[in-house]
Protein backbone atom coordinates (compact mmCIF):
# COMPACT_ATOMS: atom_id res chain seq x y z
CA UNK A 1 18.07 1.67 -59.82
CA UNK A 2 19.92 -1.53 -58.93
CA UNK A 3 22.97 0.50 -57.89
CA UNK A 4 20.81 2.72 -55.66
CA UNK A 5 19.21 -0.32 -54.05
CA UNK A 6 22.63 -1.86 -53.45
CA UNK A 7 23.95 1.35 -51.88
CA UNK A 8 20.86 1.58 -49.65
CA UNK A 9 21.28 -2.04 -48.50
CA UNK A 10 24.94 -1.43 -47.67
CA UNK A 11 24.09 1.70 -45.68
CA UNK A 12 21.38 -0.15 -43.79
CA UNK A 13 23.80 -2.96 -43.03
CA UNK A 14 26.39 -0.51 -41.74
CA UNK A 15 23.79 1.16 -39.55
CA UNK A 16 22.78 -2.20 -38.12
CA UNK A 17 26.41 -3.07 -37.41
CA UNK A 18 26.88 0.28 -35.71
CA UNK A 19 24.20 -0.61 -33.15
CA UNK A 20 25.39 -4.16 -32.54
CA UNK A 21 26.76 -4.64 -29.03
CA UNK A 22 29.17 -7.45 -28.33
CA UNK A 23 28.21 -9.45 -25.24
CA UNK A 24 31.30 -9.52 -23.07
CA UNK A 25 30.08 -12.53 -21.10
CA UNK A 26 31.81 -11.02 -18.06
CA UNK A 27 30.43 -11.66 -14.57
CA UNK A 28 32.25 -11.99 -11.25
CA UNK A 29 31.30 -13.23 -7.81
CA UNK A 30 31.50 -10.80 -4.91
CA UNK A 31 31.66 -12.11 -1.36
CA UNK A 32 31.77 -9.95 1.72
CA UNK A 33 29.89 -7.10 3.32
CA UNK A 34 32.07 -3.99 3.09
CA UNK A 35 31.09 -2.96 -0.43
CA UNK A 36 27.40 -2.93 0.38
CA UNK A 37 27.37 -2.33 4.13
CA UNK A 38 29.70 0.63 4.82
CA UNK A 39 31.09 0.72 8.35
CA UNK A 40 33.14 3.70 9.53
CA UNK A 41 32.56 3.24 13.25
CA UNK A 42 35.58 3.63 15.52
CA UNK A 43 36.18 1.57 18.65
CA UNK A 44 34.69 4.23 20.93
CA UNK A 45 31.37 4.33 19.05
CA UNK A 46 31.19 0.55 18.97
CA UNK A 47 31.72 0.43 22.74
CA UNK A 48 28.89 2.93 23.18
CA UNK A 49 26.59 0.86 20.96
CA UNK A 50 27.41 -2.34 22.84
CA UNK A 51 26.71 -0.64 26.16
CA UNK A 52 23.33 0.70 24.95
CA UNK A 53 22.22 -2.66 23.59
CA UNK A 54 23.37 -4.59 26.65
CA UNK A 55 21.74 -2.15 29.08
CA UNK A 56 18.44 -2.33 27.18
CA UNK A 57 18.45 -6.10 26.69
CA UNK A 58 18.66 -5.90 22.89
CA UNK A 59 20.26 -8.80 21.07
CA UNK A 60 23.21 -7.97 18.83
CA UNK A 61 23.01 -11.26 16.93
CA UNK A 62 23.12 -10.93 13.14
CA UNK A 63 23.78 -7.18 13.29
CA UNK A 64 26.43 -5.31 11.33
CA UNK A 65 26.56 -1.83 12.89
CA UNK A 66 27.10 0.90 10.34
CA UNK A 67 26.37 4.24 12.02
CA UNK A 68 26.06 6.02 15.36
CA UNK A 69 25.22 9.65 16.08
CA UNK A 70 23.88 11.63 19.01
CA UNK A 71 22.42 15.03 19.82
CA UNK A 72 20.79 16.87 22.70
CA UNK A 73 17.19 17.87 22.00
CA UNK A 74 14.31 19.20 24.08
CA UNK A 75 10.87 17.69 24.60
CA UNK A 76 7.62 19.66 24.49
CA UNK A 77 8.18 20.90 28.05
CA UNK A 78 11.70 22.11 27.31
CA UNK A 79 13.43 19.29 29.19
CA UNK A 80 16.77 18.32 27.58
CA UNK A 81 17.00 14.79 26.14
CA UNK A 82 20.23 13.13 25.11
CA UNK A 83 19.15 11.33 21.93
CA UNK A 84 21.29 8.57 20.41
CA UNK A 85 20.72 6.79 17.11
CA UNK A 86 22.20 3.48 16.01
CA UNK A 87 21.91 2.04 12.50
CA UNK A 88 22.76 -1.49 11.42
CA UNK A 89 22.26 -3.96 8.60
CA UNK A 90 21.45 -7.65 8.98
CA UNK A 91 23.75 -10.59 8.34
CA UNK A 92 22.71 -14.26 8.43
CA UNK A 93 25.01 -17.21 7.79
CA UNK A 94 27.70 -14.75 6.73
CA UNK A 95 25.51 -13.30 3.97
CA UNK A 96 24.08 -9.76 3.83
CA UNK A 97 20.37 -9.02 3.95
CA UNK A 98 19.97 -6.65 1.01
CA UNK A 99 18.47 -3.26 1.76
CA UNK A 100 18.16 -4.02 5.45
CA UNK A 101 18.55 -0.74 7.29
CA UNK A 102 17.62 -1.05 10.94
CA UNK A 103 17.51 1.87 13.35
CA UNK A 104 17.24 2.33 17.11
CA UNK A 105 16.69 5.54 19.05
CA UNK A 106 17.62 5.96 22.71
CA UNK A 107 16.53 8.78 25.02
CA UNK A 108 18.91 9.30 27.92
CA UNK A 109 20.21 5.76 27.42
CA UNK A 110 16.78 4.10 27.28
CA UNK A 111 15.27 2.60 24.13
CA UNK A 112 12.62 4.92 22.74
CA UNK A 113 10.03 2.39 21.55
CA UNK A 114 7.96 4.62 19.20
CA UNK A 115 11.03 4.90 16.97
CA UNK A 116 11.73 1.15 16.98
CA UNK A 117 9.96 -0.27 13.92
CA UNK A 118 12.52 -2.87 12.86
CA UNK A 119 11.42 -6.17 11.30
CA UNK A 120 11.95 -9.39 13.22
CA UNK A 121 12.96 -12.21 10.89
CA UNK A 122 13.11 -15.87 11.73
CA UNK A 123 16.53 -17.38 11.09
CA UNK A 124 16.74 -18.66 7.50
CA UNK A 125 17.93 -22.16 6.63
CA UNK A 126 21.66 -22.60 7.39
CA UNK A 127 22.56 -23.43 3.76
CA UNK A 128 24.64 -20.44 2.65
CA UNK A 129 25.78 -21.84 -0.71
CA UNK A 130 24.53 -20.61 -4.06
CA UNK A 131 22.76 -22.85 -6.55
CA UNK A 132 22.94 -20.66 -9.67
CA UNK A 133 25.93 -20.56 -11.99
CA UNK A 134 27.51 -17.24 -12.91
CA UNK A 135 26.66 -17.73 -16.58
CA UNK A 136 23.02 -18.40 -15.65
CA UNK A 137 22.97 -15.28 -13.47
CA UNK A 138 24.24 -13.15 -16.35
CA UNK A 139 21.47 -14.46 -18.59
CA UNK A 140 18.88 -13.93 -15.87
CA UNK A 141 20.09 -10.36 -15.34
CA UNK A 142 19.24 -9.46 -18.93
CA UNK A 143 15.99 -11.42 -18.83
CA UNK A 144 14.78 -9.58 -15.73
CA UNK A 145 16.15 -6.19 -16.77
CA UNK A 146 14.78 -6.18 -20.30
CA UNK A 147 11.41 -7.54 -19.19
CA UNK A 148 11.07 -4.56 -16.85
CA UNK A 149 12.47 -2.06 -19.34
CA UNK A 150 10.32 -2.92 -22.33
CA UNK A 151 7.02 -3.73 -20.63
CA UNK A 152 4.80 -1.32 -18.72
CA UNK A 153 6.03 2.16 -17.96
CA UNK A 154 9.20 2.86 -16.03
CA UNK A 155 9.56 6.21 -14.19
CA UNK A 156 13.25 6.15 -15.04
CA UNK A 157 12.85 6.57 -18.78
CA UNK A 158 14.29 9.93 -19.75
CA UNK A 159 14.82 9.30 -23.47
CA UNK A 160 13.72 7.10 -26.32
CA UNK A 161 14.64 3.50 -25.63
CA UNK A 162 16.98 1.67 -27.94
CA UNK A 163 16.24 -1.80 -29.18
CA UNK A 164 16.53 -4.80 -26.82
CA UNK A 165 20.03 -6.15 -26.44
CA UNK A 166 22.06 -2.92 -26.51
CA UNK A 167 22.14 -1.98 -22.83
CA UNK A 168 24.90 -3.39 -20.60
CA UNK A 169 25.68 -6.40 -22.79
CA UNK A 170 29.21 -5.05 -23.15
CA UNK A 171 29.50 -4.52 -19.36
CA UNK A 172 30.91 -6.72 -16.65
CA UNK A 173 28.37 -7.77 -14.05
CA UNK A 174 28.83 -8.59 -10.40
CA UNK A 175 26.78 -11.15 -8.47
CA UNK A 176 26.40 -11.19 -4.69
CA UNK A 177 24.59 -13.85 -2.71
CA UNK A 178 22.48 -12.74 0.23
CA UNK A 179 18.91 -12.53 1.48
CA UNK A 180 15.86 -10.45 0.66
CA UNK A 181 12.55 -9.94 2.39
CA UNK A 182 10.13 -12.61 1.15
CA UNK A 183 7.59 -9.90 0.27
CA UNK A 184 9.83 -8.51 -2.48
CA UNK A 185 9.28 -10.91 -5.40
CA UNK A 186 6.51 -9.83 -7.80
CA UNK A 187 3.08 -11.11 -6.80
CA UNK A 188 4.34 -12.31 -3.40
CA UNK A 189 1.63 -12.67 -0.76
CA UNK A 190 4.10 -12.74 2.15
CA UNK A 191 3.85 -9.94 4.70
CA UNK A 192 6.91 -7.70 5.01
CA UNK A 193 9.27 -8.25 7.91
CA UNK A 194 8.66 -11.94 8.68
CA UNK A 195 10.63 -14.18 6.34
CA UNK A 196 13.87 -14.09 4.34
CA UNK A 197 14.65 -15.66 0.97
CA UNK A 198 18.13 -16.43 -0.30
CA UNK A 199 18.71 -14.46 -3.47
CA UNK A 200 21.35 -12.99 -5.74
CA UNK A 201 21.88 -9.31 -6.42
CA UNK A 202 23.23 -8.89 -9.96
CA UNK A 203 24.21 -5.53 -11.41
CA UNK A 204 26.88 -3.82 -13.50
CA UNK A 205 30.11 -3.28 -11.60
CA UNK A 206 29.84 0.52 -11.97
CA UNK A 207 26.74 0.66 -9.76
CA UNK A 208 27.14 2.85 -6.68
CA UNK A 209 27.04 0.70 -3.53
CA UNK A 210 24.57 1.61 -0.82
CA UNK A 211 21.97 0.14 1.49
CA UNK A 212 19.11 0.73 -0.95
CA UNK A 213 20.99 -0.22 -4.15
CA UNK A 214 19.65 2.71 -6.11
CA UNK A 215 22.69 3.68 -8.13
CA UNK A 216 23.16 4.73 -11.77
CA UNK A 217 22.73 1.18 -13.06
CA UNK A 218 19.95 -1.42 -12.75
CA UNK A 219 19.87 -4.12 -10.10
CA UNK A 220 18.28 -7.50 -10.75
CA UNK A 221 17.35 -9.91 -7.98
CA UNK A 222 17.33 -13.66 -8.63
CA UNK A 223 15.82 -16.18 -6.20
CA UNK A 224 18.58 -18.73 -5.64
CA UNK A 225 16.33 -21.76 -5.43
CA UNK A 226 14.00 -21.05 -8.36
CA UNK A 227 15.80 -18.67 -10.73
CA UNK A 228 12.94 -16.14 -10.63
CA UNK A 229 14.42 -12.80 -11.73
CA UNK A 230 13.07 -9.26 -11.71
CA UNK A 231 14.26 -5.67 -11.85
CA UNK A 232 12.48 -2.97 -9.86
CA UNK A 233 14.51 -0.03 -11.20
CA UNK A 234 15.28 -0.61 -14.92
CA UNK A 235 17.63 2.32 -15.41
CA UNK A 236 19.14 3.09 -18.78
CA UNK A 237 22.45 4.98 -19.16
CA UNK A 238 21.89 8.69 -18.57
CA UNK A 239 18.47 8.30 -16.95
CA UNK A 240 17.70 10.30 -13.80
CA UNK A 241 17.28 8.62 -10.43
CA UNK A 242 13.95 9.53 -8.84
CA UNK A 243 14.29 9.64 -5.08
CA UNK A 244 11.43 9.44 -2.59
CA UNK A 245 10.75 13.17 -2.80
CA UNK A 246 10.18 12.82 -6.53
CA UNK A 247 13.09 15.05 -7.50
CA UNK A 248 15.06 13.60 -10.46
CA UNK A 249 18.82 13.55 -10.04
CA UNK A 250 20.65 13.31 -13.39
CA UNK A 251 23.26 10.60 -13.80
CA UNK A 252 26.43 11.59 -15.63
């Protein structure tokens, strides 16, 4: 009986070791806009954008233009309209505004106001330095991620969850300083589109970049001044991404 108990204890110990994940402690600082704000505009498109904005009296301050496209459409009476669309992200004090995706529509060179619903932020404080250490940001990533993953119900759960501490602890993380809308933090009473907060975006380096930061890995935001951390999309490896139409897209 003693031998059986000893064998069982050894097997249980081996199983526990098998599920132990070494924390790599790896986190790097990313500075710049290109990774998160793709820009493939050529000089001709930029000239067109500048002409449209100047002619319509639209300020180009704090804008990072990312897309331009045009088409000829017809209104309800059949009259042709040359429609032009311009997309941009926001930049303040050299830092990106996360998930800012502004859009303007012009009809025959004139701003089409019904399609202009962009927020109008007051300039944030000029301090563009970060006040969180990289090691603190790594710890806050796991605090925010695991709090979201193991409490409540996440729509991204596609399988039985493993125990806390096994997801992404062996991964390198990347931290980027920027701004978020002040309405984003949990329980915020601030109205969307009025105020910006300086915050960190922390996520595994294999996350797909994009304006909405909805890639195959979780993203945690950390308020720079307070250290408040949260994760809106607590993905686990292999979970599907649910887009706005509700259709799950599997992640390899």
